Amino acid sequence: MNVIDKIEREQLKSDVPDFGPGDTVKVHTRVIESGKERIQIYQGIVLSRHGIGVNQAFTVRKISNSEGVERVFPIHSPKVAKVEVVQKGSVRRAKLNYLRGRIGKQAMQVKQSKKAKDA
């Protein structure tokens, strides 16, 4: 067994929820300001998931002041406290780059999953 693989395996989080492109998520991030730590919530639609193992990350897009804002979060980072799935989306693509060209309410609309509708 490689030493690097062993160290990476120790850093993997076990409490990562099952989410994918099209899902609306709340990402709880730890922010340190002037020596104090607080949790900041970033809510938006997951555009993509990429990477393997410790290098796995996901891109979240939200509309803030009628401007699109995207942020990439490493899944296994200690700065990410929790990922909470708000709504499951039903999409046919792995990367939702087409949402970048949309304006207004259309930019944040993805078909809701049938599983989420029944629940």
N, C-alpha and C. Protein backbone atom coordinates (compact mmCIF):
# COMPACT_ATOMS: atom_id res chain seq x y z
N MET A 1 0.84 -1.18 0.00
CA MET A 1 0.00 0.00 0.00
C MET A 1 0.89 1.25 0.00
N ASN A 2 0.52 2.18 -0.81
CA ASN A 2 1.27 3.42 -0.96
C ASN A 2 0.99 4.35 0.24
N VAL A 3 1.98 5.07 0.69
CA VAL A 3 1.84 5.98 1.83
C VAL A 3 0.87 7.11 1.49
N ILE A 4 0.93 7.60 0.28
CA ILE A 4 0.05 8.69 -0.14
C ILE A 4 -1.40 8.24 -0.13
N ASP A 5 -1.67 7.03 -0.62
CA ASP A 5 -3.04 6.49 -0.60
C ASP A 5 -3.56 6.38 0.82
N LYS A 6 -2.72 5.97 1.74
CA LYS A 6 -3.12 5.82 3.13
C LYS A 6 -3.48 7.17 3.76
N ILE A 7 -2.69 8.19 3.47
CA ILE A 7 -2.97 9.53 4.01
C ILE A 7 -4.25 10.09 3.40
N GLU A 8 -4.44 9.90 2.09
CA GLU A 8 -5.66 10.38 1.44
C GLU A 8 -6.90 9.68 1.98
N ARG A 9 -6.81 8.40 2.26
CA ARG A 9 -7.95 7.65 2.78
C ARG A 9 -8.37 8.17 4.16
N GLU A 10 -7.40 8.62 4.96
CA GLU A 10 -7.71 9.17 6.28
C GLU A 10 -8.45 10.51 6.18
N GLN A 11 -8.22 11.26 5.12
CA GLN A 11 -8.82 12.58 4.98
C GLN A 11 -10.19 12.56 4.33
N LEU A 12 -10.65 11.42 3.84
CA LEU A 12 -11.97 11.33 3.21
C LEU A 12 -13.07 11.46 4.26
N LYS A 13 -14.11 12.23 3.92
CA LYS A 13 -15.27 12.35 4.81
C LYS A 13 -16.21 11.19 4.54
N SER A 14 -16.87 10.73 5.60
CA SER A 14 -17.81 9.62 5.44
C SER A 14 -19.26 10.09 5.40
N ASP A 15 -19.52 11.33 5.80
CA ASP A 15 -20.90 11.82 5.90
C ASP A 15 -21.31 12.68 4.70
N VAL A 16 -20.80 12.39 3.51
CA VAL A 16 -21.15 13.14 2.31
C VAL A 16 -22.48 12.61 1.78
N PRO A 17 -23.49 13.49 1.63
CA PRO A 17 -24.79 13.02 1.11
C PRO A 17 -24.72 12.70 -0.37
N ASP A 18 -25.71 11.99 -0.86
CA ASP A 18 -25.80 11.62 -2.26
C ASP A 18 -26.48 12.76 -3.02
N PHE A 19 -25.74 13.49 -3.83
CA PHE A 19 -26.30 14.58 -4.63
C PHE A 19 -25.57 14.63 -5.95
N GLY A 20 -26.20 15.29 -6.92
CA GLY A 20 -25.61 15.37 -8.24
C GLY A 20 -26.04 16.64 -8.96
N PRO A 21 -25.73 16.74 -10.23
CA PRO A 21 -26.12 17.92 -11.00
C PRO A 21 -27.64 18.09 -11.02
N GLY A 22 -28.08 19.33 -10.89
CA GLY A 22 -29.50 19.64 -10.89
C GLY A 22 -30.11 19.73 -9.51
N ASP A 23 -29.42 19.24 -8.50
CA ASP A 23 -29.95 19.30 -7.14
C ASP A 23 -29.69 20.68 -6.55
N THR A 24 -30.64 21.16 -5.76
CA THR A 24 -30.46 22.40 -5.02
C THR A 24 -29.90 22.04 -3.67
N VAL A 25 -28.76 22.63 -3.31
CA VAL A 25 -28.08 22.28 -2.06
C VAL A 25 -27.78 23.54 -1.25
N LYS A 26 -27.64 23.33 0.06
CA LYS A 26 -27.13 24.35 0.97
C LYS A 26 -25.77 23.85 1.42
N VAL A 27 -24.73 24.65 1.17
CA VAL A 27 -23.38 24.29 1.56
C VAL A 27 -23.01 25.15 2.78
N HIS A 28 -22.76 24.50 3.90
CA HIS A 28 -22.37 25.18 5.12
C HIS A 28 -20.85 25.25 5.15
N THR A 29 -20.30 26.46 5.02
CA THR A 29 -18.85 26.63 5.00
C THR A 29 -18.38 27.35 6.26
N ARG A 30 -17.20 26.96 6.72
CA ARG A 30 -16.60 27.61 7.88
C ARG A 30 -15.82 28.83 7.40
N VAL A 31 -16.13 29.99 7.98
CA VAL A 31 -15.45 31.23 7.63
C VAL A 31 -14.78 31.76 8.89
N ILE A 32 -13.49 32.10 8.78
CA ILE A 32 -12.76 32.64 9.92
C ILE A 32 -12.50 34.12 9.67
N GLU A 33 -13.07 34.97 10.54
CA GLU A 33 -12.90 36.41 10.45
C GLU A 33 -12.40 36.94 11.78
N SER A 34 -11.29 37.61 11.77
CA SER A 34 -10.67 38.21 12.96
C SER A 34 -10.60 37.22 14.13
N GLY A 35 -10.19 36.00 13.83
CA GLY A 35 -9.99 35.01 14.87
C GLY A 35 -11.24 34.27 15.29
N LYS A 36 -12.41 34.68 14.82
CA LYS A 36 -13.66 34.00 15.17
C LYS A 36 -14.12 33.15 13.99
N GLU A 37 -14.70 32.03 14.30
CA GLU A 37 -15.19 31.12 13.26
C GLU A 37 -16.71 31.14 13.26
N ARG A 38 -17.28 31.21 12.05
CA ARG A 38 -18.73 31.14 11.91
C ARG A 38 -19.08 30.30 10.70
N ILE A 39 -20.34 29.91 10.60
CA ILE A 39 -20.82 29.10 9.48
C ILE A 39 -21.58 30.02 8.53
N GLN A 40 -21.23 29.95 7.24
CA GLN A 40 -21.92 30.72 6.22
C GLN A 40 -22.59 29.74 5.27
N ILE A 41 -23.84 29.99 4.92
CA ILE A 41 -24.60 29.08 4.06
C ILE A 41 -24.65 29.64 2.64
N TYR A 42 -24.34 28.79 1.68
CA TYR A 42 -24.36 29.14 0.26
C TYR A 42 -25.34 28.19 -0.41
N GLN A 43 -26.47 28.70 -0.91
CA GLN A 43 -27.50 27.85 -1.51
C GLN A 43 -27.59 28.10 -3.00
N GLY A 44 -27.62 27.02 -3.77
CA GLY A 44 -27.73 27.14 -5.22
C GLY A 44 -27.88 25.78 -5.87
N ILE A 45 -27.82 25.77 -7.19
CA ILE A 45 -27.97 24.54 -7.98
C ILE A 45 -26.59 23.97 -8.30
N VAL A 46 -26.45 22.66 -8.15
CA VAL A 46 -25.20 21.99 -8.48
C VAL A 46 -25.10 21.89 -10.00
N LEU A 47 -24.05 22.49 -10.57
CA LEU A 47 -23.83 22.42 -12.01
C LEU A 47 -23.08 21.16 -12.39
N SER A 48 -22.10 20.75 -11.56
CA SER A 48 -21.32 19.57 -11.90
C SER A 48 -20.60 19.03 -10.68
N ARG A 49 -20.22 17.76 -10.79
CA ARG A 49 -19.32 17.12 -9.82
C ARG A 49 -18.16 16.57 -10.62
N HIS A 50 -16.96 16.76 -10.11
CA HIS A 50 -15.79 16.29 -10.85
C HIS A 50 -14.69 15.89 -9.88
N GLY A 51 -13.77 15.09 -10.37
CA GLY A 51 -12.64 14.64 -9.56
C GLY A 51 -12.88 13.29 -8.93
N ILE A 52 -11.81 12.74 -8.33
CA ILE A 52 -11.86 11.42 -7.70
C ILE A 52 -11.17 11.51 -6.35
N GLY A 53 -11.73 10.83 -5.36
CA GLY A 53 -11.10 10.74 -4.05
C GLY A 53 -11.06 12.07 -3.32
N VAL A 54 -9.89 12.42 -2.80
CA VAL A 54 -9.73 13.66 -2.05
C VAL A 54 -9.91 14.87 -2.96
N ASN A 55 -9.61 14.71 -4.24
CA ASN A 55 -9.69 15.82 -5.19
C ASN A 55 -11.10 16.04 -5.74
N GLN A 56 -12.09 15.39 -5.18
CA GLN A 56 -13.47 15.52 -5.67
C GLN A 56 -14.04 16.88 -5.27
N ALA A 57 -14.71 17.54 -6.23
CA ALA A 57 -15.27 18.86 -5.99
C ALA A 57 -16.60 18.99 -6.72
N PHE A 58 -17.36 20.03 -6.39
CA PHE A 58 -18.61 20.29 -7.07
C PHE A 58 -18.78 21.80 -7.23
N THR A 59 -19.49 22.20 -8.30
CA THR A 59 -19.72 23.60 -8.62
C THR A 59 -21.16 23.94 -8.32
N VAL A 60 -21.37 25.04 -7.58
CA VAL A 60 -22.72 25.49 -7.21
C VAL A 60 -22.93 26.89 -7.78
N ARG A 61 -24.09 27.10 -8.38
CA ARG A 61 -24.43 28.40 -8.98
C ARG A 61 -25.67 28.97 -8.32
N LYS A 62 -25.63 30.27 -8.01
CA LYS A 62 -26.80 30.96 -7.48
C LYS A 62 -26.89 32.32 -8.14
N ILE A 63 -28.07 32.95 -8.03
CA ILE A 63 -28.28 34.28 -8.55
C ILE A 63 -28.28 35.23 -7.36
N SER A 64 -27.37 36.20 -7.37
CA SER A 64 -27.26 37.17 -6.29
C SER A 64 -27.29 38.57 -6.90
N ASN A 65 -28.29 39.37 -6.54
CA ASN A 65 -28.47 40.72 -7.09
C ASN A 65 -28.52 40.69 -8.62
N SER A 66 -29.32 39.79 -9.15
CA SER A 66 -29.52 39.58 -10.59
C SER A 66 -28.21 39.33 -11.34
N GLU A 67 -27.25 38.74 -10.65
CA GLU A 67 -25.96 38.38 -11.25
C GLU A 67 -25.65 36.93 -10.88
N GLY A 68 -25.25 36.13 -11.84
CA GLY A 68 -24.92 34.73 -11.57
C GLY A 68 -23.58 34.60 -10.86
N VAL A 69 -23.57 33.81 -9.79
CA VAL A 69 -22.35 33.60 -9.01
C VAL A 69 -22.12 32.10 -8.91
N GLU A 70 -20.92 31.67 -9.28
CA GLU A 70 -20.56 30.25 -9.18
C GLU A 70 -19.42 30.09 -8.20
N ARG A 71 -19.45 28.98 -7.49
CA ARG A 71 -18.39 28.70 -6.53
C ARG A 71 -18.08 27.21 -6.56
N VAL A 72 -16.81 26.87 -6.48
CA VAL A 72 -16.38 25.47 -6.49
C VAL A 72 -15.99 25.08 -5.07
N PHE A 73 -16.57 24.00 -4.57
CA PHE A 73 -16.29 23.51 -3.22
C PHE A 73 -15.64 22.14 -3.29
N PRO A 74 -14.50 21.94 -2.63
CA PRO A 74 -13.96 20.59 -2.49
C PRO A 74 -14.83 19.82 -1.49
N ILE A 75 -15.24 18.63 -1.83
CA ILE A 75 -16.16 17.86 -0.98
C ILE A 75 -15.52 17.48 0.34
N HIS A 76 -14.26 17.08 0.32
CA HIS A 76 -13.61 16.57 1.52
C HIS A 76 -12.80 17.63 2.26
N SER A 77 -13.05 18.90 1.98
CA SER A 77 -12.32 19.98 2.64
C SER A 77 -12.83 20.19 4.07
N PRO A 78 -11.95 20.51 5.01
CA PRO A 78 -12.40 20.82 6.37
C PRO A 78 -13.16 22.15 6.43
N LYS A 79 -13.04 23.00 5.42
CA LYS A 79 -13.79 24.26 5.37
C LYS A 79 -15.27 24.03 5.09
N VAL A 80 -15.62 22.91 4.46
CA VAL A 80 -17.02 22.57 4.19
C VAL A 80 -17.53 21.78 5.39
N ALA A 81 -18.40 22.41 6.17
CA ALA A 81 -18.92 21.77 7.37
C ALA A 81 -19.97 20.72 7.03
N LYS A 82 -20.89 21.07 6.10
CA LYS A 82 -21.99 20.17 5.80
C LYS A 82 -22.58 20.53 4.45
N VAL A 83 -23.07 19.54 3.74
CA VAL A 83 -23.80 19.74 2.49
C VAL A 83 -25.20 19.19 2.70
N GLU A 84 -26.19 20.03 2.51
CA GLU A 84 -27.59 19.67 2.78
C GLU A 84 -28.37 19.75 1.46
N VAL A 85 -29.02 18.67 1.07
CA VAL A 85 -29.80 18.64 -0.16
C VAL A 85 -31.19 19.20 0.13
N VAL A 86 -31.55 20.29 -0.55
CA VAL A 86 -32.85 20.93 -0.34
C VAL A 86 -33.88 20.32 -1.27
N GLN A 87 -33.50 20.13 -2.55
CA GLN A 87 -34.43 19.64 -3.55
C GLN A 87 -33.66 18.82 -4.58
N LYS A 88 -34.20 17.67 -4.94
CA LYS A 88 -33.58 16.84 -5.97
C LYS A 88 -34.05 17.31 -7.34
N GLY A 89 -33.13 17.36 -8.28
CA GLY A 89 -33.46 17.76 -9.63
C GLY A 89 -33.33 16.60 -10.59
N SER A 90 -34.11 16.63 -11.65
CA SER A 90 -34.07 15.58 -12.66
C SER A 90 -33.49 16.18 -13.94
N VAL A 91 -32.24 15.83 -14.25
CA VAL A 91 -31.58 16.35 -15.45
C VAL A 91 -30.98 15.18 -16.23
N ARG A 92 -30.68 15.45 -17.50
CA ARG A 92 -30.11 14.42 -18.35
C ARG A 92 -28.66 14.69 -18.72
N ARG A 93 -28.05 15.62 -18.05
CA ARG A 93 -26.68 16.00 -18.34
C ARG A 93 -25.82 15.87 -17.09
N ALA A 94 -24.53 15.65 -17.28
CA ALA A 94 -23.60 15.59 -16.16
C ALA A 94 -23.08 16.99 -15.82
N LYS A 95 -23.04 17.87 -16.80
CA LYS A 95 -22.60 19.25 -16.60
C LYS A 95 -23.70 20.18 -17.11
N LEU A 96 -24.20 21.05 -16.27
CA LEU A 96 -25.32 21.92 -16.63
C LEU A 96 -24.83 23.30 -17.06
N ASN A 97 -23.93 23.33 -18.02
CA ASN A 97 -23.38 24.60 -18.49
C ASN A 97 -24.42 25.46 -19.20
N TYR A 98 -25.51 24.87 -19.67
CA TYR A 98 -26.53 25.63 -20.37
C TYR A 98 -27.27 26.59 -19.43
N LEU A 99 -27.19 26.40 -18.13
CA LEU A 99 -27.85 27.32 -17.19
C LEU A 99 -27.16 28.68 -17.16
N ARG A 100 -25.91 28.74 -17.59
CA ARG A 100 -25.17 30.00 -17.56
C ARG A 100 -25.74 31.03 -18.53
N GLY A 101 -26.35 30.58 -19.60
CA GLY A 101 -26.90 31.51 -20.59
C GLY A 101 -28.30 31.99 -20.27
N ARG A 102 -28.91 31.47 -19.26
CA ARG A 102 -30.28 31.83 -18.93
C ARG A 102 -30.33 33.08 -18.05
N ILE A 103 -31.48 33.77 -18.12
CA ILE A 103 -31.65 35.01 -17.38
C ILE A 103 -32.90 34.91 -16.50
N GLY A 104 -32.85 35.51 -15.31
CA GLY A 104 -34.01 35.61 -14.43
C GLY A 104 -34.37 34.30 -13.78
N LYS A 105 -35.67 34.06 -13.69
CA LYS A 105 -36.18 32.87 -13.01
C LYS A 105 -35.79 31.58 -13.75
N GLN A 106 -35.67 31.67 -15.06
CA GLN A 106 -35.31 30.50 -15.86
C GLN A 106 -33.92 29.97 -15.52
N ALA A 107 -33.05 30.84 -15.01
CA ALA A 107 -31.67 30.44 -14.71
C ALA A 107 -31.60 29.48 -13.53
N MET A 108 -32.61 29.47 -12.68
CA MET A 108 -32.57 28.64 -11.48
C MET A 108 -33.60 27.52 -11.50
N GLN A 109 -34.24 27.30 -12.65
CA GLN A 109 -35.26 26.26 -12.72
C GLN A 109 -34.72 25.00 -13.38
N VAL A 110 -34.86 23.91 -12.65
CA VAL A 110 -34.53 22.58 -13.15
C VAL A 110 -35.72 21.70 -12.78
N LYS A 111 -36.04 20.75 -13.65
CA LYS A 111 -37.16 19.87 -13.38
C LYS A 111 -36.99 19.15 -12.06
N GLN A 112 -38.06 19.08 -11.27
CA GLN A 112 -37.99 18.41 -9.99
C GLN A 112 -38.04 16.90 -10.21
N SER A 113 -37.30 16.16 -9.38
CA SER A 113 -37.25 14.72 -9.48
C SER A 113 -38.60 14.12 -9.10
N LYS A 114 -39.00 13.04 -9.76
CA LYS A 114 -40.26 12.37 -9.43
C LYS A 114 -40.22 11.79 -8.03
N LYS A 115 -39.05 11.37 -7.59
CA LYS A 115 -38.90 10.84 -6.23
C LYS A 115 -39.20 11.93 -5.21
N ALA A 116 -38.74 13.14 -5.49
CA ALA A 116 -38.96 14.26 -4.56
C ALA A 116 -40.43 14.69 -4.57
N LYS A 117 -41.11 14.57 -5.73
CA LYS A 117 -42.52 14.94 -5.81
C LYS A 117 -43.38 14.00 -4.98
N ASP A 118 -43.07 12.69 -5.00
CA ASP A 118 -43.87 11.71 -4.28
C ASP A 118 -43.69 11.83 -2.78
N ALA A 119 -42.52 12.23 -2.34
CA ALA A 119 -42.21 12.28 -0.91
C ALA A 119 -42.87 13.44 -0.21
